Structures are given as C-alpha cells and as structure tokens.
Amino acid sequence: MPRKLPQVSGDELLRALKRLGFVEQRQRGSHVHLKRLSDNRRLTVPIHKGKTIPPGTLRAILRDGELSVEDLIANL
C-alpha cells in the first residue's frame, strides 16, 4: 500500500530533490527549475514562503521525476 504524501514546503522538497540527484538550473520568480544529470529529467518546484505544496502538485512532481513517496520520505 502506498504511503500517505507528507506535507512539505517548497524549500524542504527542494533539499530532498537535491539529495536525490537533481541540480538547480535556474529560478524564475517563485519557481525553481531542476535537472537530473543522469537522465536529463527536468522538474519545476514552486517555492512559496509559509505554504506547503498541495498534494496534487507534489504527486505530479514525484511522477515527473519518476520518484516514489518512499524516496521522498527517506530524503526529507
């Protein structure tokens, strides 16, 4: 059974994704663009101070990065 999505801020998600091999490419406004060098997979993470990332957005980021909830939780 899949684990429940954690409530994370954009900063927390950004740190976890960097631990998983993503590198910050650029930032435009409140959105950070990341790239994983091993397979050139790209992600965009919204960084809004004081707010958590909505569950649907978090699930889409994980899906686009081909990551599981367990991968995320292990790297928070």
PDB file of N, CA and C in Angstrom:
ATOM      1  N   MET A   1       0.843  -1.182   0.000  1.00  0.00           N
ATOM      2  CA  MET A   1       0.000   0.000   0.000  1.00  0.00           C
ATOM      3  C   MET A   1       0.886   1.242   0.000  1.00  0.00           C
ATOM      4  N   PRO A   2       0.633   2.211  -0.895  1.00  0.00           N
ATOM      5  CA  PRO A   2       1.455   3.410  -0.932  1.00  0.00           C
ATOM      6  C   PRO A   2       1.295   4.230   0.339  1.00  0.00           C
ATOM      7  N   ARG A   3       2.389   4.859   0.734  1.00  0.00           N
ATOM      8  CA  ARG A   3       2.340   5.686   1.930  1.00  0.00           C
ATOM      9  C   ARG A   3       1.676   7.015   1.619  1.00  0.00           C
ATOM     10  N   LYS A   4       1.143   7.640   2.661  1.00  0.00           N
ATOM     11  CA  LYS A   4       0.485   8.926   2.524  1.00  0.00           C
ATOM     12  C   LYS A   4       1.519  10.000   2.194  1.00  0.00           C
ATOM     13  N   LEU A   5       1.135  10.937   1.346  1.00  0.00           N
ATOM     14  CA  LEU A   5       2.035  12.029   0.994  1.00  0.00           C
ATOM     15  C   LEU A   5       2.292  12.914   2.209  1.00  0.00           C
ATOM     16  N   PRO A   6       3.541  13.270   2.466  1.00  0.00           N
ATOM     17  CA  PRO A   6       3.827  14.174   3.574  1.00  0.00           C
ATOM     18  C   PRO A   6       3.511  15.612   3.174  1.00  0.00           C
ATOM     19  N   GLN A   7       3.271  16.453   4.163  1.00  0.00           N
ATOM     20  CA  GLN A   7       3.101  17.878   3.898  1.00  0.00           C
ATOM     21  C   GLN A   7       4.478  18.512   3.961  1.00  0.00           C
ATOM     22  N   VAL A   8       4.936  19.038   2.837  1.00  0.00           N
ATOM     23  CA  VAL A   8       6.267  19.636   2.783  1.00  0.00           C
ATOM     24  C   VAL A   8       6.187  21.014   2.143  1.00  0.00           C
ATOM     25  N   SER A   9       7.108  21.870   2.563  1.00  0.00           N
ATOM     26  CA  SER A   9       7.213  23.187   1.938  1.00  0.00           C
ATOM     27  C   SER A   9       8.063  23.054   0.684  1.00  0.00           C
ATOM     28  N   GLY A  10       8.094  24.092  -0.104  1.00  0.00           N
ATOM     29  CA  GLY A  10       8.917  24.082  -1.307  1.00  0.00           C
ATOM     30  C   GLY A  10      10.393  23.940  -0.985  1.00  0.00           C
ATOM     31  N   ASP A  11      10.849  24.602   0.088  1.00  0.00           N
ATOM     32  CA  ASP A  11      12.260  24.512   0.489  1.00  0.00           C
ATOM     33  C   ASP A  11      12.632  23.095   0.904  1.00  0.00           C
ATOM     34  N   GLU A  12      11.744  22.435   1.664  1.00  0.00           N
ATOM     35  CA  GLU A  12      12.012  21.055   2.090  1.00  0.00           C
ATOM     36  C   GLU A  12      12.068  20.116   0.888  1.00  0.00           C
ATOM     37  N   LEU A  13      11.147  20.298  -0.051  1.00  0.00           N
ATOM     38  CA  LEU A  13      11.134  19.460  -1.246  1.00  0.00           C
ATOM     39  C   LEU A  13      12.384  19.702  -2.087  1.00  0.00           C
ATOM     40  N   LEU A  14      12.798  20.951  -2.186  1.00  0.00           N
ATOM     41  CA  LEU A  14      13.999  21.287  -2.952  1.00  0.00           C
ATOM     42  C   LEU A  14      15.231  20.594  -2.378  1.00  0.00           C
ATOM     43  N   ARG A  15      15.385  20.608  -1.052  1.00  0.00           N
ATOM     44  CA  ARG A  15      16.522  19.928  -0.404  1.00  0.00           C
ATOM     45  C   ARG A  15      16.481  18.427  -0.670  1.00  0.00           C
ATOM     46  N   ALA A  16      15.297  17.825  -0.565  1.00  0.00           N
ATOM     47  CA  ALA A  16      15.168  16.381  -0.793  1.00  0.00           C
ATOM     48  C   ALA A  16      15.500  16.024  -2.239  1.00  0.00           C
ATOM     49  N   LEU A  17      15.037  16.826  -3.185  1.00  0.00           N
ATOM     50  CA  LEU A  17      15.312  16.542  -4.594  1.00  0.00           C
ATOM     51  C   LEU A  17      16.800  16.679  -4.910  1.00  0.00           C
ATOM     52  N   LYS A  18      17.463  17.622  -4.267  1.00  0.00           N
ATOM     53  CA  LYS A  18      18.912  17.764  -4.463  1.00  0.00           C
ATOM     54  C   LYS A  18      19.641  16.532  -3.936  1.00  0.00           C
ATOM     55  N   ARG A  19      19.171  15.974  -2.831  1.00  0.00           N
ATOM     56  CA  ARG A  19      19.767  14.740  -2.294  1.00  0.00           C
ATOM     57  C   ARG A  19      19.542  13.564  -3.240  1.00  0.00           C
ATOM     58  N   LEU A  20      18.481  13.634  -4.036  1.00  0.00           N
ATOM     59  CA  LEU A  20      18.151  12.562  -4.977  1.00  0.00           C
ATOM     60  C   LEU A  20      18.824  12.750  -6.340  1.00  0.00           C
ATOM     61  N   GLY A  21      19.721  13.717  -6.450  1.00  0.00           N
ATOM     62  CA  GLY A  21      20.496  13.872  -7.678  1.00  0.00           C
ATOM     63  C   GLY A  21      20.077  14.994  -8.608  1.00  0.00           C
ATOM     64  N   PHE A  22      19.101  15.790  -8.216  1.00  0.00           N
ATOM     65  CA  PHE A  22      18.691  16.917  -9.051  1.00  0.00           C
ATOM     66  C   PHE A  22      19.564  18.128  -8.743  1.00  0.00           C
ATOM     67  N   VAL A  23      19.822  18.927  -9.770  1.00  0.00           N
ATOM     68  CA  VAL A  23      20.660  20.116  -9.644  1.00  0.00           C
ATOM     69  C   VAL A  23      19.822  21.324 -10.046  1.00  0.00           C
ATOM     70  N   GLU A  24      19.962  22.409  -9.283  1.00  0.00           N
ATOM     71  CA  GLU A  24      19.218  23.624  -9.591  1.00  0.00           C
ATOM     72  C   GLU A  24      19.768  24.247 -10.868  1.00  0.00           C
ATOM     73  N   GLN A  25      18.897  24.445 -11.857  1.00  0.00           N
ATOM     74  CA  GLN A  25      19.301  25.032 -13.132  1.00  0.00           C
ATOM     75  C   GLN A  25      19.116  26.541 -13.121  1.00  0.00           C
ATOM     76  N   ARG A  26      17.911  26.973 -12.722  1.00  0.00           N
ATOM     77  CA  ARG A  26      17.616  28.401 -12.705  1.00  0.00           C
ATOM     78  C   ARG A  26      16.382  28.633 -11.857  1.00  0.00           C
ATOM     79  N   GLN A  27      16.090  29.902 -11.631  1.00  0.00           N
ATOM     80  CA  GLN A  27      14.889  30.267 -10.889  1.00  0.00           C
ATOM     81  C   GLN A  27      14.243  31.446 -11.587  1.00  0.00           C
ATOM     82  N   ARG A  28      12.941  31.364 -11.719  1.00  0.00           N
ATOM     83  CA  ARG A  28      12.195  32.477 -12.282  1.00  0.00           C
ATOM     84  C   ARG A  28      11.060  32.789 -11.318  1.00  0.00           C
ATOM     85  N   GLY A  29      11.162  33.903 -10.658  1.00  0.00           N
ATOM     86  CA  GLY A  29      10.162  34.259  -9.663  1.00  0.00           C
ATOM     87  C   GLY A  29      10.188  33.271  -8.515  1.00  0.00           C
ATOM     88  N   SER A  30       9.056  32.656  -8.236  1.00  0.00           N
ATOM     89  CA  SER A  30       8.961  31.725  -7.115  1.00  0.00           C
ATOM     90  C   SER A  30       9.051  30.269  -7.562  1.00  0.00           C
ATOM     91  N   HIS A  31       9.526  30.019  -8.766  1.00  0.00           N
ATOM     92  CA  HIS A  31       9.633  28.652  -9.278  1.00  0.00           C
ATOM     93  C   HIS A  31      11.084  28.309  -9.592  1.00  0.00           C
ATOM     94  N   VAL A  32      11.546  27.198  -9.020  1.00  0.00           N
ATOM     95  CA  VAL A  32      12.913  26.737  -9.232  1.00  0.00           C
ATOM     96  C   VAL A  32      12.880  25.586 -10.232  1.00  0.00           C
ATOM     97  N   HIS A  33      13.751  25.648 -11.222  1.00  0.00           N
ATOM     98  CA  HIS A  33      13.845  24.605 -12.240  1.00  0.00           C
ATOM     99  C   HIS A  33      15.041  23.722 -11.918  1.00  0.00           C
ATOM    100  N   LEU A  34      14.791  22.410 -11.856  1.00  0.00           N
ATOM    101  CA  LEU A  34      15.823  21.433 -11.517  1.00  0.00           C
ATOM    102  C   LEU A  34      16.032  20.473 -12.676  1.00  0.00           C
ATOM    103  N   LYS A  35      17.224  19.880 -12.709  1.00  0.00           N
ATOM    104  CA  LYS A  35      17.541  18.899 -13.748  1.00  0.00           C
ATOM    105  C   LYS A  35      18.363  17.787 -13.119  1.00  0.00           C
ATOM    106  N   ARG A  36      18.042  16.539 -13.465  1.00  0.00           N
ATOM    107  CA  ARG A  36      18.842  15.395 -13.019  1.00  0.00           C
ATOM    108  C   ARG A  36      19.793  15.058 -14.157  1.00  0.00           C
ATOM    109  N   LEU A  37      21.086  15.124 -13.872  1.00  0.00           N
ATOM    110  CA  LEU A  37      22.099  14.966 -14.905  1.00  0.00           C
ATOM    111  C   LEU A  37      22.150  13.558 -15.482  1.00  0.00           C
ATOM    112  N   SER A  38      21.779  12.550 -14.699  1.00  0.00           N
ATOM    113  CA  SER A  38      21.881  11.166 -15.173  1.00  0.00           C
ATOM    114  C   SER A  38      20.948  10.868 -16.350  1.00  0.00           C
ATOM    115  N   ASP A  39      19.763  11.492 -16.363  1.00  0.00           N
ATOM    116  CA  ASP A  39      18.818  11.212 -17.452  1.00  0.00           C
ATOM    117  C   ASP A  39      18.154  12.464 -18.027  1.00  0.00           C
ATOM    118  N   ASN A  40      18.678  13.635 -17.669  1.00  0.00           N
ATOM    119  CA  ASN A  40      18.172  14.927 -18.157  1.00  0.00           C
ATOM    120  C   ASN A  40      16.702  15.183 -17.827  1.00  0.00           C
ATOM    121  N   ARG A  41      16.185  14.539 -16.785  1.00  0.00           N
ATOM    122  CA  ARG A  41      14.807  14.768 -16.357  1.00  0.00           C
ATOM    123  C   ARG A  41      14.720  16.148 -15.699  1.00  0.00           C
ATOM    124  N   ARG A  42      13.680  16.909 -16.043  1.00  0.00           N
ATOM    125  CA  ARG A  42      13.527  18.269 -15.527  1.00  0.00           C
ATOM    126  C   ARG A  42      12.273  18.377 -14.658  1.00  0.00           C
ATOM    127  N   LEU A  43      12.387  19.186 -13.602  1.00  0.00           N
ATOM    128  CA  LEU A  43      11.268  19.432 -12.693  1.00  0.00           C
ATOM    129  C   LEU A  43      11.176  20.921 -12.393  1.00  0.00           C
ATOM    130  N   THR A  44       9.988  21.373 -12.052  1.00  0.00           N
ATOM    131  CA  THR A  44       9.777  22.735 -11.589  1.00  0.00           C
ATOM    132  C   THR A  44       9.118  22.650 -10.220  1.00  0.00           C
ATOM    133  N   VAL A  45       9.718  23.344  -9.245  1.00  0.00           N
ATOM    134  CA  VAL A  45       9.207  23.310  -7.875  1.00  0.00           C
ATOM    135  C   VAL A  45       8.794  24.723  -7.467  1.00  0.00           C
ATOM    136  N   PRO A  46       7.535  24.912  -7.026  1.00  0.00           N
ATOM    137  CA  PRO A  46       7.118  26.227  -6.545  1.00  0.00           C
ATOM    138  C   PRO A  46       7.639  26.459  -5.125  1.00  0.00           C
ATOM    139  N   ILE A  47       8.194  27.633  -4.887  1.00  0.00           N
ATOM    140  CA  ILE A  47       8.708  27.990  -3.565  1.00  0.00           C
ATOM    141  C   ILE A  47       7.890  29.178  -3.065  1.00  0.00           C
ATOM    142  N   HIS A  48       6.920  28.919  -2.201  1.00  0.00           N
ATOM    143  CA  HIS A  48       6.090  29.974  -1.632  1.00  0.00           C
ATOM    144  C   HIS A  48       6.273  29.937  -0.123  1.00  0.00           C
ATOM    145  N   LYS A  49       6.874  30.965   0.431  1.00  0.00           N
ATOM    146  CA  LYS A  49       7.194  31.011   1.857  1.00  0.00           C
ATOM    147  C   LYS A  49       5.940  30.844   2.711  1.00  0.00           C
ATOM    148  N   GLY A  50       6.044  29.971   3.702  1.00  0.00           N
ATOM    149  CA  GLY A  50       4.957  29.768   4.643  1.00  0.00           C
ATOM    150  C   GLY A  50       3.836  28.871   4.139  1.00  0.00           C
ATOM    151  N   LYS A  51       3.981  28.295   2.954  1.00  0.00           N
ATOM    152  CA  LYS A  51       2.929  27.434   2.412  1.00  0.00           C
ATOM    153  C   LYS A  51       3.488  26.057   2.095  1.00  0.00           C
ATOM    154  N   THR A  52       2.631  25.050   2.255  1.00  0.00           N
ATOM    155  CA  THR A  52       3.026  23.696   1.860  1.00  0.00           C
ATOM    156  C   THR A  52       2.594  23.469   0.412  1.00  0.00           C
ATOM    157  N   ILE A  53       3.239  22.527  -0.224  1.00  0.00           N
ATOM    158  CA  ILE A  53       2.902  22.204  -1.610  1.00  0.00           C
ATOM    159  C   ILE A  53       1.627  21.363  -1.605  1.00  0.00           C
ATOM    160  N   PRO A  54       0.624  21.734  -2.403  1.00  0.00           N
ATOM    161  CA  PRO A  54      -0.622  20.959  -2.443  1.00  0.00           C
ATOM    162  C   PRO A  54      -0.357  19.509  -2.860  1.00  0.00           C
ATOM    163  N   PRO A  55      -1.160  18.563  -2.348  1.00  0.00           N
ATOM    164  CA  PRO A  55      -0.932  17.142  -2.635  1.00  0.00           C
ATOM    165  C   PRO A  55      -0.890  16.803  -4.124  1.00  0.00           C
ATOM    166  N   GLY A  56      -1.766  17.390  -4.915  1.00  0.00           N
ATOM    167  CA  GLY A  56      -1.776  17.098  -6.346  1.00  0.00           C
ATOM    168  C   GLY A  56      -0.506  17.570  -7.040  1.00  0.00           C
ATOM    169  N   THR A  57      -0.017  18.730  -6.639  1.00  0.00           N
ATOM    170  CA  THR A  57       1.220  19.269  -7.204  1.00  0.00           C
ATOM    171  C   THR A  57       2.400  18.405  -6.800  1.00  0.00           C
ATOM    172  N   LEU A  58       2.441  18.000  -5.539  1.00  0.00           N
ATOM    173  CA  LEU A  58       3.531  17.155  -5.050  1.00  0.00           C
ATOM    174  C   LEU A  58       3.534  15.809  -5.776  1.00  0.00           C
ATOM    175  N   ARG A  59       2.359  15.225  -5.953  1.00  0.00           N
ATOM    176  CA  ARG A  59       2.264  13.939  -6.649  1.00  0.00           C
ATOM    177  C   ARG A  59       2.729  14.085  -8.104  1.00  0.00           C
ATOM    178  N   ALA A  60       2.389  15.196  -8.756  1.00  0.00           N
ATOM    179  CA  ALA A  60       2.812  15.428 -10.141  1.00  0.00           C
ATOM    180  C   ALA A  60       4.326  15.594 -10.229  1.00  0.00           C
ATOM    181  N   ILE A  61       4.931  16.289  -9.266  1.00  0.00           N
ATOM    182  CA  ILE A  61       6.386  16.460  -9.246  1.00  0.00           C
ATOM    183  C   ILE A  61       7.061  15.106  -9.080  1.00  0.00           C
ATOM    184  N   LEU A  62       6.551  14.284  -8.171  1.00  0.00           N
ATOM    185  CA  LEU A  62       7.128  12.950  -7.965  1.00  0.00           C
ATOM    186  C   LEU A  62       6.967  12.088  -9.220  1.00  0.00           C
ATOM    187  N   ARG A  63       5.806  12.151  -9.848  1.00  0.00           N
ATOM    188  CA  ARG A  63       5.565  11.369 -11.064  1.00  0.00           C
ATOM    189  C   ARG A  63       6.509  11.814 -12.184  1.00  0.00           C
ATOM    190  N   ASP A  64       6.643  13.125 -12.376  1.00  0.00           N
ATOM    191  CA  ASP A  64       7.513  13.642 -13.438  1.00  0.00           C
ATOM    192  C   ASP A  64       8.974  13.289 -13.199  1.00  0.00           C
ATOM    193  N   GLY A  65       9.368  13.197 -11.928  1.00  0.00           N
ATOM    194  CA  GLY A  65      10.743  12.837 -11.601  1.00  0.00           C
ATOM    195  C   GLY A  65      10.962  11.350 -11.464  1.00  0.00           C
ATOM    196  N   GLU A  66       9.907  10.567 -11.712  1.00  0.00           N
ATOM    197  CA  GLU A  66       9.949   9.110 -11.554  1.00  0.00           C
ATOM    198  C   GLU A  66      10.447   8.722 -10.163  1.00  0.00           C
ATOM    199  N   LEU A  67       9.850   9.348  -9.144  1.00  0.00           N
ATOM    200  CA  LEU A  67      10.210   9.102  -7.749  1.00  0.00           C
ATOM    201  C   LEU A  67       8.998   8.549  -7.011  1.00  0.00           C
ATOM    202  N   SER A  68       9.255   7.789  -5.962  1.00  0.00           N
ATOM    203  CA  SER A  68       8.166   7.267  -5.139  1.00  0.00           C
ATOM    204  C   SER A  68       8.035   8.117  -3.876  1.00  0.00           C
ATOM    205  N   VAL A  69       6.917   7.943  -3.204  1.00  0.00           N
ATOM    206  CA  VAL A  69       6.702   8.636  -1.933  1.00  0.00           C
ATOM    207  C   VAL A  69       7.769   8.196  -0.932  1.00  0.00           C
ATOM    208  N   GLU A  70       8.138   6.915  -0.980  1.00  0.00           N
ATOM    209  CA  GLU A  70       9.165   6.393  -0.072  1.00  0.00           C
ATOM    210  C   GLU A  70      10.515   7.059  -0.329  1.00  0.00           C
ATOM    211  N   ASP A  71      10.851   7.296  -1.613  1.00  0.00           N
ATOM    212  CA  ASP A  71      12.093   8.007  -1.945  1.00  0.00           C
ATOM    213  C   ASP A  71      12.093   9.393  -1.307  1.00  0.00           C
ATOM    214  N   LEU A  72      10.971  10.083  -1.428  1.00  0.00           N
ATOM    215  CA  LEU A  72      10.864  11.431  -0.872  1.00  0.00           C
ATOM    216  C   LEU A  72      11.009  11.406   0.640  1.00  0.00           C
ATOM    217  N   ILE A  73      10.256  10.535   1.303  1.00  0.00           N
ATOM    218  CA  ILE A  73      10.282  10.475   2.766  1.00  0.00           C
ATOM    219  C   ILE A  73      11.679  10.138   3.273  1.00  0.00           C
ATOM    220  N   ALA A  74      12.375   9.236   2.593  1.00  0.00           N
ATOM    221  CA  ALA A  74      13.723   8.839   3.016  1.00  0.00           C
ATOM    222  C   ALA A  74      14.729   9.976   2.891  1.00  0.00           C
ATOM    223  N   ASN A  75      14.445  10.964   2.053  1.00  0.00           N
ATOM    224  CA  ASN A  75      15.397  12.046   1.824  1.00  0.00           C
ATOM    225  C   ASN A  75      14.968  13.382   2.410  1.00  0.00           C
ATOM    226  N   LEU A  76      13.880  13.402   3.165  1.00  0.00           N
ATOM    227  CA  LEU A  76      13.463  14.648   3.825  1.00  0.00           C
ATOM    228  C   LEU A  76      14.361  14.970   4.999  1.00  0.00           C
TER     229      LEU A  76
END
